[in-house]
Structure formats: C-alpha cells, structure tokens
Protein backbone atom coordinates (compact mmCIF):
# COMPACT_ATOMS: atom_id res chain seq x y z
CA MET A 1 -42.36 -25.60 6.60
CA LYS A 2 -43.28 -23.19 9.40
CA GLN A 3 -40.88 -25.00 11.79
CA SER A 4 -38.05 -24.63 9.25
CA TYR A 5 -38.83 -20.94 8.92
CA ASN A 6 -38.83 -20.49 12.73
CA LEU A 7 -35.54 -22.38 13.04
CA LEU A 8 -34.02 -20.23 10.28
CA THR A 9 -35.23 -17.08 12.05
CA VAL A 10 -33.77 -18.19 15.39
CA LEU A 11 -30.44 -19.09 13.73
CA SER A 12 -30.36 -15.76 11.90
CA VAL A 13 -31.07 -13.77 15.07
CA THR A 14 -28.46 -15.78 17.00
CA SER A 15 -25.89 -15.18 14.26
CA CYS A 16 -26.59 -11.45 14.25
CA VAL A 17 -26.27 -11.23 18.04
CA THR A 18 -23.00 -13.18 17.90
CA ILE A 19 -21.61 -10.98 15.14
CA ILE A 20 -22.66 -7.79 16.92
CA SER A 21 -21.17 -8.89 20.24
CA CYS A 22 -17.90 -9.88 18.54
CA ASN A 23 -17.77 -6.56 16.73
CA LYS A 24 -18.27 -4.68 19.99
CA SER A 25 -15.17 -6.24 21.58
CA ILE A 26 -13.12 -5.70 18.45
CA SER A 27 -14.37 -2.15 18.17
CA ALA A 28 -13.47 -1.42 21.81
CA GLU A 29 -9.95 -2.77 21.23
CA ASP A 30 -9.61 -0.78 18.01
CA LYS A 31 -11.02 2.32 19.71
CA ALA A 32 -8.38 2.15 22.43
CA ALA A 33 -5.67 1.63 19.82
CA GLN A 34 -7.05 4.55 17.77
CA GLU A 35 -6.89 6.79 20.84
CA GLN A 36 -3.26 5.73 21.33
CA ALA A 37 -2.52 6.32 17.62
CA ASN A 38 -4.05 9.82 17.82
CA ALA A 39 -2.05 10.62 20.96
CA PHE A 40 1.16 9.35 19.33
CA GLN A 41 0.50 11.46 16.21
CA ALA A 42 -0.08 14.55 18.37
CA SER A 43 3.05 13.80 20.39
CA ILE A 44 5.45 13.67 17.42
CA LEU A 45 3.79 16.37 15.32
CA ASN A 46 6.15 19.23 14.45
CA HIS A 47 8.90 17.81 16.65
CA THR A 48 12.36 16.62 15.70
CA TYR A 49 13.75 13.23 16.69
CA HIS A 50 16.91 11.23 16.18
CA LEU A 51 17.74 7.53 16.48
CA VAL A 52 19.54 6.64 19.71
CA SER A 53 19.31 2.86 20.00
CA TYR A 54 18.69 -0.33 18.04
CA TYR A 55 18.24 -3.60 19.93
CA SER A 56 16.57 -7.01 20.09
CA ASP A 57 14.26 -8.36 22.76
CA LYS A 58 16.35 -11.55 22.98
CA PRO A 59 19.88 -12.60 22.04
CA ILE A 60 20.20 -13.28 18.31
CA ASP A 61 22.86 -13.78 15.65
CA TYR A 62 21.88 -10.65 13.71
CA ASN A 63 24.24 -11.22 10.78
CA PRO A 64 24.03 -14.87 9.68
CA TYR A 65 26.24 -14.16 6.65
CA ASP A 66 29.48 -13.51 8.52
CA ASN A 67 31.74 -16.24 9.91
CA VAL A 68 31.10 -15.31 13.53
CA VAL A 69 28.16 -16.63 15.50
CA LYS A 70 27.13 -14.02 18.04
CA SER A 71 24.30 -13.96 20.50
CA GLU A 72 23.55 -10.29 21.16
CA THR A 73 20.76 -7.86 21.96
CA ASP A 74 22.63 -4.56 21.49
CA LEU A 75 22.50 -4.06 17.72
CA ASN A 76 23.85 -0.51 17.51
CA ILE A 77 26.97 -1.69 15.64
CA TYR A 78 24.72 -2.70 12.71
CA VAL A 79 23.14 0.75 12.30
CA LEU A 80 24.38 2.42 9.13
CA PRO A 81 26.42 5.58 9.87
CA TYR A 82 24.11 8.01 8.06
CA LEU A 83 21.18 7.04 10.31
CA TRP A 84 22.93 8.22 13.49
CA ASP A 85 23.22 11.87 12.46
CA ASP A 86 19.87 12.25 10.67
CA GLN A 87 17.04 14.22 12.22
CA TYR A 88 13.37 13.44 11.59
CA VAL A 89 10.68 16.14 11.56
CA TYR A 90 7.03 14.96 11.43
CA GLY A 91 4.47 17.15 9.67
CA ALA A 92 0.70 17.10 10.05
CA ASP A 93 0.14 16.10 6.45
CA GLY A 94 2.05 12.81 6.80
CA ASN A 95 5.21 14.39 5.48
CA LEU A 96 8.43 13.40 7.17
CA GLN A 97 11.48 15.54 6.57
CA ILE A 98 14.70 13.58 6.96
CA VAL A 99 17.36 16.17 7.61
CA GLN A 100 20.62 14.49 6.66
CA GLY A 101 23.68 15.21 8.76
CA ASP A 102 27.27 15.04 7.55
CA ASN A 103 26.88 11.33 6.74
CA LYS A 104 24.54 11.09 3.75
CA ILE A 105 22.77 8.02 2.43
CA PRO A 106 24.75 6.80 -0.58
CA GLY A 107 23.25 8.08 -3.80
CA ASN A 108 21.34 10.99 -2.25
CA SER A 109 23.32 13.97 -0.99
CA ALA A 110 20.30 16.27 -0.63
CA PRO A 111 20.25 18.03 2.75
CA ILE A 112 16.58 17.06 3.21
CA ILE A 113 14.81 13.95 2.00
CA ASN A 114 11.01 14.03 2.03
CA PHE A 115 9.25 10.84 2.98
CA ASN A 116 5.67 9.95 3.85
CA TYR A 117 4.71 8.35 7.13
CA LYS A 118 1.38 7.09 8.42
CA ILE A 119 0.09 6.13 11.83
CA GLY A 120 -2.96 3.89 12.04
CA VAL A 121 -4.59 0.86 13.63
CA LYS A 122 -4.70 -2.77 12.58
CA THR A 123 -6.42 -5.32 14.79
CA GLY A 124 -6.06 -3.31 17.97
CA THR A 125 -2.39 -2.47 17.36
CA VAL A 126 -0.92 0.91 16.44
CA PHE A 127 1.16 0.66 13.29
CA PHE A 128 3.66 3.15 11.95
CA ASP A 129 4.35 3.15 8.20
CA TYR A 130 7.91 4.35 8.27
CA PHE A 131 11.15 3.25 6.58
CA ASP A 132 13.99 0.76 6.88
CA TYR A 133 17.72 1.50 7.00
CA TYR A 134 17.80 2.18 3.24
CA TYR A 135 14.84 4.59 3.47
CA LYS A 136 12.49 2.09 1.86
CA PRO A 137 8.91 1.87 3.25
CA MET A 138 8.44 -0.55 6.14
CA GLU A 139 5.63 -1.08 8.64
CA TYR A 140 6.44 -1.03 12.36
CA SER A 141 4.38 -1.51 15.51
CA LEU A 142 4.38 1.15 18.19
CA THR A 143 5.91 -0.10 21.43
CA THR A 144 5.71 3.02 23.58
CA PHE A 145 5.95 6.81 23.48
CA ASN A 146 5.94 9.86 25.71
CA ASP A 147 6.86 13.53 25.35
CA SER A 148 10.56 12.77 24.97
CA LEU A 149 10.82 9.48 23.04
CA PHE A 150 9.15 6.77 21.03
CA ILE A 151 10.04 3.14 20.41
CA ILE A 152 8.87 1.12 17.41
CA ASN A 153 9.48 -2.53 16.54
CA VAL A 154 9.41 -5.11 13.75
CA PRO A 155 9.71 -8.89 13.69
CA GLY A 156 13.37 -9.96 13.54
CA PRO A 157 15.36 -13.13 12.95
CA GLN A 158 14.98 -16.23 15.11
CA GLY A 159 11.58 -15.12 16.46
CA SER A 160 12.91 -11.89 17.90
CA ARG A 161 11.54 -8.36 17.84
CA LEU A 162 13.83 -5.53 16.76
CA PHE A 163 13.38 -2.16 18.45
CA SER A 164 14.35 1.33 17.31
CA LYS A 165 14.36 4.07 19.94
CA PHE A 166 14.10 7.74 18.99
CA LEU A 167 14.61 10.73 21.28
CA ARG A 168 13.08 14.15 20.81
CA ILE A 169 15.58 16.91 20.15
CA GLN A 170 14.79 19.92 22.31
CA LYS A 171 15.18 23.15 20.34
C-alpha cells in the first residue's frame, strides 16, 4: 500500500510540474500577444482610418458563383462601394464610429453607425472582433500595424487568407 501511495505521489508531482511548465510557455506566448494587443489598441485609439486594399495571400477564384473562373489575389473589385468612402474612428470604450461617406450601406442612411469592436488574445494570437462587408460581427486576426496602418485577416476560400488594409487619415 505504501508503494502505491509513493507511486501516486510521484505521478502527481510529475503531472503538476508538467502542467506548470506547459502553462509557463503558453503564458509567455499569450503575454507577448497581449503586449501586442495593448500596443495595437493604443495605436488606433482616437484615430480615423479608411479601407485601402483587400487581397488574398494566394491566387483564388473569389466568386465561385459566376461563370468565370479567375485566379486572383487583388480582390478590390469585390469590395462593396460604401466601404471605400467610410471612415472608422476607434474609441477607448470599444465603440467604433463608422462615418458613412456619400455611399451608404443599403437600409441605413445614418451619417454615423455605432459599432462595438474588441481587441484580445486567443492562443498567442491577437484577434480583432470587427465586422464583415455587411457590418455584421466577424473575428479577424491581426497581421501587422504601425502608426500609419493596420492589416487584419480571416480565412478565405481554397485555404487562402483574406487581408484588409486600413490607413490612418491624418487630420
């Protein structure tokens, strides 16, 4: 009985050490991602951006429902017109003001649409709860950012990644 107890103790201690060491590497990865998420949040806060580019990381047939098979990476022709002239202002409270330009989203002619956004970390990756081209919530991954731009991405068709690039508007 004592040998069983000793074996159980050794196994328990080994399991705890393994769990702790695994958590340390995950925590370090998440910590680095959290630092990046915090820096991204600070970078966009109270600044205005607009969409400048939409593209794929590899050639794809973006619209499988038409009669033309294309293999393309530049996807700007698929961006809905009202997205090109909108401006996005990010508030500290997670409020995003979408300032609509002359081209309004069908069904909503308000000059400003309020939307919530969130920046966070999942498994060492910075995510950005944002919206799709119909202003419906969608989760993106952060690709890169600096003081003048940010790029986010989502999984696309045929194993691709779709990227949206936003530039800061200097006022």
